[in-house]
Amino acid sequence: MQRQAIRKLKEDEDITVIPADKGGKVVVMNVTDYIKKIREKLDTKAYKQLEEDPSKYIHKKLEVLLSELVGKNEIDEDEMKMLL
């Protein structure tokens, strides 16, 4: 019954049936709204291109912060390793 309903929905050119990001669910959207959302995600005004990858810098800051927490006995070494 559900598969038949989804198949019928897929036949309608005004809507799109896509898998949800989470939960294994199905999302039914108006095609116009779907295209608008995709364009918003791809809009270069919404994002800033980075000169370099900040991952190493952020990881180092996290390492320093976690080391301070270990020093204050707020977390132990195992917790620190797990968080890194």
N, C-alpha and C. Protein backbone atom coordinates (compact mmCIF):
# COMPACT_ATOMS: atom_id res chain seq x y z
N MET A 1 0.82 -1.20 0.00
CA MET A 1 0.00 0.00 0.00
C MET A 1 0.87 1.27 0.00
N GLN A 2 1.87 1.34 0.91
CA GLN A 2 2.74 2.52 0.98
C GLN A 2 3.58 2.65 -0.28
N ARG A 3 4.11 1.54 -0.77
CA ARG A 3 4.94 1.60 -1.99
C ARG A 3 4.11 2.06 -3.18
N GLN A 4 2.88 1.60 -3.24
CA GLN A 4 1.99 2.01 -4.32
C GLN A 4 1.72 3.52 -4.23
N ALA A 5 1.52 4.02 -3.03
CA ALA A 5 1.28 5.45 -2.84
C ALA A 5 2.51 6.26 -3.24
N ILE A 6 3.69 5.79 -2.86
CA ILE A 6 4.93 6.49 -3.22
C ILE A 6 5.11 6.48 -4.73
N ARG A 7 4.83 5.34 -5.36
CA ARG A 7 4.95 5.24 -6.82
C ARG A 7 4.01 6.24 -7.50
N LYS A 8 2.80 6.36 -6.99
CA LYS A 8 1.83 7.32 -7.55
C LYS A 8 2.35 8.75 -7.39
N LEU A 9 2.91 9.04 -6.22
CA LEU A 9 3.45 10.37 -5.97
C LEU A 9 4.60 10.67 -6.92
N LYS A 10 5.45 9.68 -7.19
CA LYS A 10 6.59 9.88 -8.08
C LYS A 10 6.15 10.16 -9.51
N GLU A 11 4.97 9.71 -9.87
CA GLU A 11 4.45 9.95 -11.22
C GLU A 11 4.00 11.39 -11.41
N ASP A 12 3.70 12.08 -10.33
CA ASP A 12 3.26 13.48 -10.38
C ASP A 12 4.49 14.36 -10.61
N GLU A 13 4.52 15.07 -11.73
CA GLU A 13 5.68 15.90 -12.08
C GLU A 13 5.79 17.17 -11.25
N ASP A 14 4.76 17.50 -10.49
CA ASP A 14 4.79 18.71 -9.67
C ASP A 14 5.38 18.48 -8.29
N ILE A 15 5.61 17.22 -7.95
CA ILE A 15 6.20 16.91 -6.65
C ILE A 15 7.41 16.00 -6.84
N THR A 16 8.25 15.98 -5.82
CA THR A 16 9.40 15.08 -5.81
C THR A 16 9.38 14.30 -4.50
N VAL A 17 9.80 13.06 -4.59
CA VAL A 17 9.87 12.19 -3.42
C VAL A 17 11.34 11.88 -3.20
N ILE A 18 11.86 12.28 -2.04
CA ILE A 18 13.28 12.10 -1.75
C ILE A 18 13.46 11.51 -0.36
N PRO A 19 14.59 10.83 -0.13
CA PRO A 19 14.85 10.32 1.22
C PRO A 19 15.20 11.47 2.16
N ALA A 20 14.73 11.39 3.39
CA ALA A 20 15.05 12.41 4.39
C ALA A 20 16.51 12.28 4.80
N ASP A 21 17.07 13.36 5.32
CA ASP A 21 18.46 13.35 5.78
C ASP A 21 18.66 12.35 6.91
N LYS A 22 17.66 12.23 7.76
CA LYS A 22 17.80 11.36 8.93
C LYS A 22 16.54 10.53 9.13
N GLY A 23 16.70 9.40 9.76
CA GLY A 23 15.56 8.62 10.18
C GLY A 23 14.98 7.66 9.17
N GLY A 24 15.57 7.57 7.97
CA GLY A 24 15.08 6.63 6.98
C GLY A 24 13.67 6.95 6.49
N LYS A 25 13.26 8.17 6.62
CA LYS A 25 11.92 8.58 6.20
C LYS A 25 11.94 9.06 4.76
N VAL A 26 10.76 9.28 4.21
CA VAL A 26 10.60 9.81 2.86
C VAL A 26 9.98 11.20 2.97
N VAL A 27 10.49 12.12 2.15
CA VAL A 27 9.97 13.49 2.14
C VAL A 27 9.31 13.75 0.79
N VAL A 28 8.13 14.30 0.82
CA VAL A 28 7.41 14.67 -0.39
C VAL A 28 7.39 16.19 -0.45
N MET A 29 7.94 16.74 -1.55
CA MET A 29 8.02 18.20 -1.68
C MET A 29 7.54 18.65 -3.04
N ASN A 30 7.01 19.84 -3.08
CA ASN A 30 6.70 20.50 -4.34
C ASN A 30 8.03 20.73 -5.06
N VAL A 31 8.09 20.44 -6.35
CA VAL A 31 9.34 20.56 -7.11
C VAL A 31 9.88 21.98 -7.06
N THR A 32 9.02 22.97 -7.18
CA THR A 32 9.46 24.36 -7.14
C THR A 32 10.13 24.69 -5.81
N ASP A 33 9.54 24.24 -4.71
CA ASP A 33 10.13 24.47 -3.39
C ASP A 33 11.45 23.74 -3.24
N TYR A 34 11.51 22.52 -3.78
CA TYR A 34 12.73 21.72 -3.70
C TYR A 34 13.87 22.41 -4.45
N ILE A 35 13.60 22.88 -5.65
CA ILE A 35 14.63 23.58 -6.44
C ILE A 35 15.07 24.85 -5.72
N LYS A 36 14.13 25.57 -5.11
CA LYS A 36 14.48 26.78 -4.36
C LYS A 36 15.42 26.45 -3.20
N LYS A 37 15.12 25.37 -2.45
CA LYS A 37 15.97 24.97 -1.33
C LYS A 37 17.37 24.58 -1.81
N ILE A 38 17.44 23.86 -2.91
CA ILE A 38 18.75 23.46 -3.47
C ILE A 38 19.54 24.70 -3.86
N ARG A 39 18.90 25.64 -4.52
CA ARG A 39 19.60 26.87 -4.93
C ARG A 39 20.09 27.65 -3.72
N GLU A 40 19.30 27.68 -2.65
CA GLU A 40 19.72 28.37 -1.42
C GLU A 40 20.98 27.72 -0.86
N LYS A 41 21.03 26.39 -0.90
CA LYS A 41 22.20 25.69 -0.37
C LYS A 41 23.44 25.92 -1.23
N LEU A 42 23.23 26.13 -2.52
CA LEU A 42 24.35 26.33 -3.43
C LEU A 42 24.73 27.80 -3.60
N ASP A 43 23.97 28.70 -3.01
CA ASP A 43 24.21 30.13 -3.15
C ASP A 43 25.57 30.51 -2.58
N THR A 44 26.43 31.03 -3.43
CA THR A 44 27.78 31.38 -2.99
C THR A 44 27.79 32.57 -2.03
N LYS A 45 26.73 33.35 -1.98
CA LYS A 45 26.67 34.48 -1.04
C LYS A 45 26.51 33.98 0.40
N ALA A 46 25.99 32.79 0.53
CA ALA A 46 25.74 32.23 1.87
C ALA A 46 26.99 31.63 2.49
N TYR A 47 28.00 31.40 1.68
CA TYR A 47 29.22 30.76 2.17
C TYR A 47 30.44 31.60 1.85
N LYS A 48 31.45 31.45 2.67
CA LYS A 48 32.71 32.17 2.46
C LYS A 48 33.79 31.13 2.17
N GLN A 49 34.52 31.33 1.09
CA GLN A 49 35.60 30.41 0.77
C GLN A 49 36.78 30.69 1.69
N LEU A 50 37.29 29.64 2.30
CA LEU A 50 38.39 29.78 3.24
C LEU A 50 39.72 29.78 2.51
N GLU A 51 40.65 30.55 3.03
CA GLU A 51 41.99 30.60 2.46
C GLU A 51 42.74 29.29 2.72
N GLU A 52 42.51 28.74 3.90
CA GLU A 52 43.17 27.48 4.26
C GLU A 52 42.25 26.67 5.17
N ASP A 53 42.56 25.41 5.31
CA ASP A 53 41.76 24.50 6.13
C ASP A 53 42.01 24.80 7.61
N PRO A 54 40.98 25.18 8.37
CA PRO A 54 41.17 25.53 9.78
C PRO A 54 41.18 24.31 10.72
N SER A 55 41.06 23.12 10.19
CA SER A 55 40.92 21.91 11.03
C SER A 55 42.07 21.73 12.01
N LYS A 56 43.31 21.89 11.54
CA LYS A 56 44.47 21.69 12.43
C LYS A 56 44.48 22.71 13.56
N TYR A 57 44.15 23.95 13.25
CA TYR A 57 44.10 25.02 14.25
C TYR A 57 43.02 24.72 15.29
N ILE A 58 41.86 24.34 14.83
CA ILE A 58 40.74 24.03 15.73
C ILE A 58 41.07 22.82 16.59
N HIS A 59 41.69 21.81 16.00
CA HIS A 59 42.06 20.61 16.75
C HIS A 59 43.07 20.96 17.84
N LYS A 60 44.03 21.81 17.52
CA LYS A 60 45.04 22.22 18.50
C LYS A 60 44.38 22.99 19.66
N LYS A 61 43.46 23.90 19.34
CA LYS A 61 42.75 24.64 20.39
C LYS A 61 41.95 23.70 21.28
N LEU A 62 41.32 22.71 20.67
CA LEU A 62 40.55 21.73 21.43
C LEU A 62 41.47 20.93 22.33
N GLU A 63 42.63 20.56 21.81
CA GLU A 63 43.60 19.79 22.59
C GLU A 63 44.06 20.59 23.81
N VAL A 64 44.33 21.87 23.63
CA VAL A 64 44.75 22.74 24.74
C VAL A 64 43.63 22.85 25.78
N LEU A 65 42.41 23.08 25.33
CA LEU A 65 41.28 23.20 26.23
C LEU A 65 41.06 21.91 27.02
N LEU A 66 41.12 20.77 26.34
CA LEU A 66 40.92 19.49 27.02
C LEU A 66 42.05 19.20 28.00
N SER A 67 43.28 19.59 27.64
CA SER A 67 44.41 19.41 28.56
C SER A 67 44.20 20.22 29.84
N GLU A 68 43.66 21.42 29.69
CA GLU A 68 43.35 22.25 30.86
C GLU A 68 42.31 21.56 31.74
N LEU A 69 41.31 20.95 31.11
CA LEU A 69 40.28 20.25 31.87
C LEU A 69 40.84 19.03 32.59
N VAL A 70 41.79 18.35 31.95
CA VAL A 70 42.46 17.22 32.61
C VAL A 70 43.25 17.74 33.81
N GLY A 71 43.95 18.87 33.62
CA GLY A 71 44.73 19.48 34.70
C GLY A 71 43.87 19.88 35.89
N LYS A 72 42.62 20.24 35.64
CA LYS A 72 41.70 20.63 36.71
C LYS A 72 40.90 19.43 37.23
N ASN A 73 41.24 18.25 36.75
CA ASN A 73 40.54 17.00 37.12
C ASN A 73 39.04 17.04 36.80
N GLU A 74 38.69 17.79 35.77
CA GLU A 74 37.29 17.84 35.35
C GLU A 74 36.97 16.71 34.38
N ILE A 75 37.98 16.25 33.66
CA ILE A 75 37.87 15.05 32.82
C ILE A 75 39.15 14.25 33.01
N ASP A 76 39.11 12.96 32.66
CA ASP A 76 40.34 12.17 32.76
C ASP A 76 40.94 11.97 31.36
N GLU A 77 42.12 11.34 31.31
CA GLU A 77 42.84 11.14 30.05
C GLU A 77 42.01 10.36 29.03
N ASP A 78 41.29 9.34 29.50
CA ASP A 78 40.47 8.54 28.58
C ASP A 78 39.38 9.39 27.93
N GLU A 79 38.76 10.25 28.73
CA GLU A 79 37.73 11.13 28.19
C GLU A 79 38.33 12.10 27.18
N MET A 80 39.53 12.59 27.49
CA MET A 80 40.20 13.50 26.57
C MET A 80 40.47 12.81 25.24
N LYS A 81 41.00 11.59 25.29
CA LYS A 81 41.29 10.84 24.06
C LYS A 81 40.02 10.59 23.26
N MET A 82 38.93 10.29 23.96
CA MET A 82 37.67 10.03 23.29
C MET A 82 37.15 11.29 22.58
N LEU A 83 37.34 12.44 23.20
CA LEU A 83 36.86 13.70 22.63
C LEU A 83 37.73 14.20 21.49
N LEU A 84 38.98 13.78 21.46
CA LEU A 84 39.85 14.17 20.36
C LEU A 84 39.62 13.25 19.19
